[in-house]
Protein backbone atom coordinates (compact mmCIF):
# COMPACT_ATOMS: atom_id res chain seq x y z
CA MET A 1 54.90 -11.43 61.56
CA LYS A 2 54.71 -8.14 63.36
CA THR A 3 57.69 -8.92 65.56
CA ARG A 4 59.78 -9.96 62.56
CA SER A 5 58.87 -6.76 60.73
CA THR A 6 59.93 -4.75 63.75
CA TRP A 7 63.36 -6.34 63.91
CA LEU A 8 63.81 -5.95 60.11
CA SER A 9 62.99 -2.24 60.48
CA ILE A 10 65.59 -1.92 63.28
CA ALA A 11 68.20 -3.70 61.12
CA ALA A 12 67.44 -1.32 58.24
CA VAL A 13 67.86 1.74 60.50
CA VAL A 14 71.20 0.39 61.90
CA ALA A 15 72.46 -0.25 58.37
CA THR A 16 71.47 3.25 57.27
CA VAL A 17 73.22 4.81 60.26
CA ALA A 18 76.27 2.72 59.51
CA VAL A 19 76.52 3.99 55.97
CA MET A 20 75.82 7.66 56.99
CA SER A 21 78.57 7.50 59.63
CA GLY A 22 81.25 6.61 57.16
CA CYS A 23 81.18 2.86 57.02
CA ALA A 24 83.10 1.37 54.06
CA ARG A 25 84.34 -1.98 52.90
CA ILE A 26 86.96 -3.01 55.45
CA ASN A 27 90.48 -2.32 54.13
CA GLU A 28 93.18 -3.02 56.63
CA GLY A 29 95.78 -1.31 54.48
CA VAL A 30 94.22 2.14 54.34
CA PRO A 31 94.38 4.14 57.64
CA PRO A 32 91.29 6.18 58.68
CA PRO A 33 91.52 9.97 59.13
CA SER A 34 93.52 10.70 62.31
CA ALA A 35 91.97 12.40 65.35
CA GLN A 36 94.33 15.35 64.78
CA GLU A 37 92.47 16.19 61.51
CA THR A 38 89.39 17.22 63.48
CA GLY A 39 88.88 19.91 66.15
CA ALA A 40 88.85 19.48 69.90
CA PHE A 41 85.08 20.38 70.03
CA SER A 42 84.04 17.78 67.50
CA ASN A 43 86.36 15.21 69.06
CA PHE A 44 84.63 15.69 72.42
CA TRP A 45 81.19 15.08 71.06
CA ALA A 46 82.31 12.21 68.87
CA ASN A 47 83.87 10.47 71.87
CA ARG A 48 80.66 10.94 73.90
CA LEU A 49 78.67 9.37 71.04
CA TYR A 50 81.07 6.41 70.82
CA ASP A 51 80.94 5.94 74.64
CA PHE A 52 77.13 5.83 74.36
CA MET A 53 77.35 3.21 71.59
CA ASP A 54 79.58 1.15 73.83
CA LEU A 55 76.65 0.59 76.13
CA MET A 56 74.99 -1.95 73.89
CA ARG A 57 75.06 -4.72 71.36
CA LEU A 58 72.16 -4.70 68.85
CA GLU A 59 72.56 -7.34 66.19
CA TRP A 60 70.48 -9.59 63.95
CA GLY A 61 71.77 -12.98 62.85
CA ALA A 62 71.42 -14.50 59.36
CA PRO A 63 72.41 -18.13 59.55
CA ARG A 64 74.19 -20.02 56.85
CA ASP A 65 72.44 -23.21 55.74
CA PHE A 66 70.02 -23.31 58.69
CA LYS A 67 73.01 -23.51 61.16
CA ALA A 68 71.52 -21.62 64.03
CA PHE A 69 69.41 -22.61 67.03
CA GLY A 70 69.06 -21.99 70.70
CA ALA A 71 68.57 -19.13 73.25
CA THR A 72 70.49 -17.55 76.05
CA ALA A 73 69.66 -15.03 78.65
CA LYS A 74 71.99 -13.08 81.04
CA ALA A 75 71.46 -10.87 84.05
CA THR A 76 75.19 -10.41 85.07
CA CYS A 77 77.54 -13.35 85.27
CA LEU A 78 75.73 -14.65 88.37
CA ALA A 79 72.55 -15.37 86.47
CA GLN A 80 73.00 -16.65 82.90
CA ALA A 81 71.72 -19.78 81.18
CA GLY A 82 70.99 -21.30 77.84
CA PHE A 83 72.66 -22.66 74.69
CA VAL A 84 73.22 -21.10 71.32
CA PHE A 85 74.94 -22.39 68.19
CA PHE A 86 75.26 -19.93 65.32
CA GLU A 87 77.11 -20.03 61.99
CA GLY A 88 76.50 -17.20 59.58
CA THR A 89 76.55 -13.34 59.46
CA LYS A 90 75.32 -10.69 61.80
CA VAL A 91 74.47 -7.06 61.10
CA GLY A 92 74.27 -4.27 63.62
CA LEU A 93 76.51 -2.85 66.29
CA GLU A 94 78.66 -4.45 68.99
CA ARG A 95 79.60 -1.43 71.03
CA ARG A 96 81.01 1.22 68.60
CA ALA A 97 81.84 -1.34 65.88
CA VAL A 98 79.05 -1.06 63.29
CA GLY A 99 78.69 -3.26 60.26
CA ILE A 100 78.47 -6.93 59.15
CA ILE A 101 80.51 -9.75 60.61
CA ARG A 102 80.94 -13.44 59.80
CA GLN A 103 80.57 -15.49 62.93
CA LYS A 104 80.77 -19.09 64.19
CA LYS A 105 79.82 -19.46 67.86
CA ILE A 106 78.96 -22.05 70.42
CA GLU A 107 77.89 -20.61 73.79
CA GLY A 108 76.06 -22.07 76.70
CA GLY A 109 75.82 -23.31 80.24
CA ILE A 110 74.31 -22.35 83.58
CA SER A 111 76.04 -19.97 85.99
CA PRO A 112 78.67 -20.28 87.24
CA VAL A 113 79.72 -22.85 84.64
CA TYR A 114 79.38 -21.02 81.38
CA PHE A 115 81.52 -20.91 78.21
CA THR A 116 81.78 -19.51 74.77
CA THR A 117 84.01 -20.29 71.82
CA VAL A 118 83.68 -18.02 68.82
CA ARG A 119 85.49 -17.18 65.60
CA GLU A 120 84.56 -14.07 63.62
CA GLY A 121 85.85 -11.55 61.02
CA GLY A 122 84.63 -8.29 59.68
CA GLU A 123 82.94 -8.20 56.26
CA PHE A 124 81.78 -4.59 56.09
CA GLY A 125 81.85 -1.87 58.63
CA ASN A 126 83.35 1.28 60.23
CA GLU A 127 86.97 1.75 61.35
CA PHE A 128 86.31 0.24 64.81
CA MET A 129 85.92 -3.20 63.26
CA ARG A 130 89.53 -3.04 62.04
CA THR A 131 92.53 -4.37 63.95
CA THR A 132 95.36 -2.42 62.46
CA THR A 133 94.61 1.16 63.61
CA ASP A 134 96.60 2.83 66.39
CA TRP A 135 93.31 2.93 68.42
CA ALA A 136 92.89 -0.86 68.17
CA LYS A 137 96.54 -1.52 69.08
CA ALA A 138 96.54 0.65 72.09
CA ARG A 139 94.24 -1.80 73.91
CA ASP A 140 92.93 -5.28 73.12
CA ARG A 141 89.60 -4.30 71.51
CA ARG A 142 88.50 -7.51 69.81
CA ILE A 143 84.72 -7.42 69.50
CA ILE A 144 84.22 -10.89 70.98
CA ARG A 145 86.59 -12.88 73.10
CA ASN A 146 86.75 -16.56 74.02
CA GLY A 147 86.13 -17.38 77.65
CA PHE A 148 85.20 -20.10 80.07
CA PHE A 149 83.15 -20.48 83.24
CA TRP A 150 81.62 -17.03 83.95
CA SER A 151 82.30 -15.62 80.51
CA ASP A 152 79.83 -15.13 77.66
CA GLY A 153 82.78 -14.03 75.49
CA THR A 154 82.65 -10.31 76.04
CA GLU A 155 84.52 -9.98 79.32
CA ARG A 156 81.62 -7.85 80.64
CA PRO A 157 80.48 -9.72 83.77
CA PHE A 158 77.83 -7.14 84.62
CA SER A 159 75.95 -7.07 81.31
CA PHE A 160 72.37 -7.93 80.66
CA GLY A 161 70.86 -9.44 77.53
CA PHE A 162 69.55 -12.26 75.44
CA GLU A 163 70.07 -13.97 72.15
CA LEU A 164 67.58 -16.08 70.12
CA GLU A 165 68.44 -17.98 67.01
CA LEU A 166 65.84 -19.96 64.99
CA PHE A 167 67.34 -22.01 62.13
CA CYS A 168 66.84 -20.22 58.78
CA PHE A 169 65.22 -17.13 60.41
CA GLY A 170 68.11 -16.16 62.68
CA GLY A 171 67.20 -13.80 65.42
CA PRO A 172 68.14 -10.91 67.74
CA ASP A 173 71.27 -10.63 69.82
CA VAL A 174 70.76 -7.76 72.29
CA HIS A 175 72.96 -6.87 75.27
CA PHE A 176 73.60 -3.90 77.51
CA TYR A 177 76.93 -3.36 79.14
CA LEU A 178 76.46 -1.79 82.52
CA CYS A 179 80.14 -1.17 83.26
CA GLU A 180 80.43 1.00 80.16
CA LEU A 181 78.05 3.41 81.79
CA ALA A 182 80.82 4.51 84.15
CA ASP A 183 83.06 5.32 81.18
CA PHE A 184 80.28 7.21 79.50
CA LEU A 185 79.61 9.40 82.53
CA ALA A 186 83.24 9.89 83.36
CA GLY A 187 83.84 11.19 79.80
CA TRP A 188 81.74 14.30 80.47
CA VAL A 189 84.32 15.43 83.02
CA GLY A 190 87.40 14.65 80.89
CA LEU A 191 88.21 11.19 82.24
CA ASP A 192 88.65 8.08 80.11
CA PRO A 193 88.90 4.95 82.29
CA ARG A 194 88.43 2.60 79.36
CA GLY A 195 91.15 4.26 77.32
CA ASP A 196 88.85 4.28 74.31
CA ASP A 197 88.52 7.98 73.36
CA VAL A 198 89.73 8.15 69.76
CA SER A 199 91.38 11.52 70.34
CA ARG A 200 93.28 10.27 73.42
CA VAL A 201 95.13 7.27 72.01
CA VAL A 202 98.43 8.72 73.22
CA HIS A 203 97.04 8.77 76.77
CA ALA A 204 96.06 5.09 76.48
CA GLN A 205 99.55 4.23 75.36
CA LEU A 206 101.03 6.21 78.33
CA ASP A 207 98.66 4.28 80.66
CA ASN A 208 99.97 1.06 79.23
CA GLN A 209 103.54 2.04 79.91
CA PHE A 210 102.80 3.17 83.43
CA PHE A 211 100.49 0.38 84.64
CA GLU A 212 101.65 -2.63 82.60
CA LYS A 213 105.30 -2.25 81.47
CA SER A 214 106.47 -0.81 84.78
CA GLU A 215 105.00 -3.87 86.60
CA LYS A 216 107.00 -6.25 84.35
CA LYS A 217 110.26 -4.37 85.14
CA GLU A 218 109.63 -4.66 88.88
């Protein structure tokens, strides 16, 4: 009972932060305020906060009709094992995307043979859960991706974490993305290797033209 109360408290805090940080019902037709509407100083600190949020996934699952069971654990793609089936909603954050998602997922295996297949959509959340913004279009930023063999669906081979789902109770889904630490540290000296700084979308687009489109021409 104490453990459950702790996780419910964490979920409540995450939901409160989401609302205070400007979360709203997802509306793909209404663009968020552009980065140019804020100053360079506030942009810098906002980007550092978002890079910090990118380090982790902190979610709690609420299954639909008892459709959840299993457990997985991961210590990089070289050491991951388990099986999870989940159908329902999750609340929390997956990197800088904060809110509620509908999710249907089957994940499991033992390294190096590991797979995930997942379908999800945003129900409520901040702008980073949307797919129509310039920021989302500059790079492929889907929250969860399908994958096979080494992949747990996140394309983050050096992450650590676990997920536990227990029928009607649901459970925690907690991961830490080690590679995002490099992006977080680089941001303090003006670099953006992930191309995810909100105020530098134009730079991400230029990177795409230089590294991707030029290769196709050659």
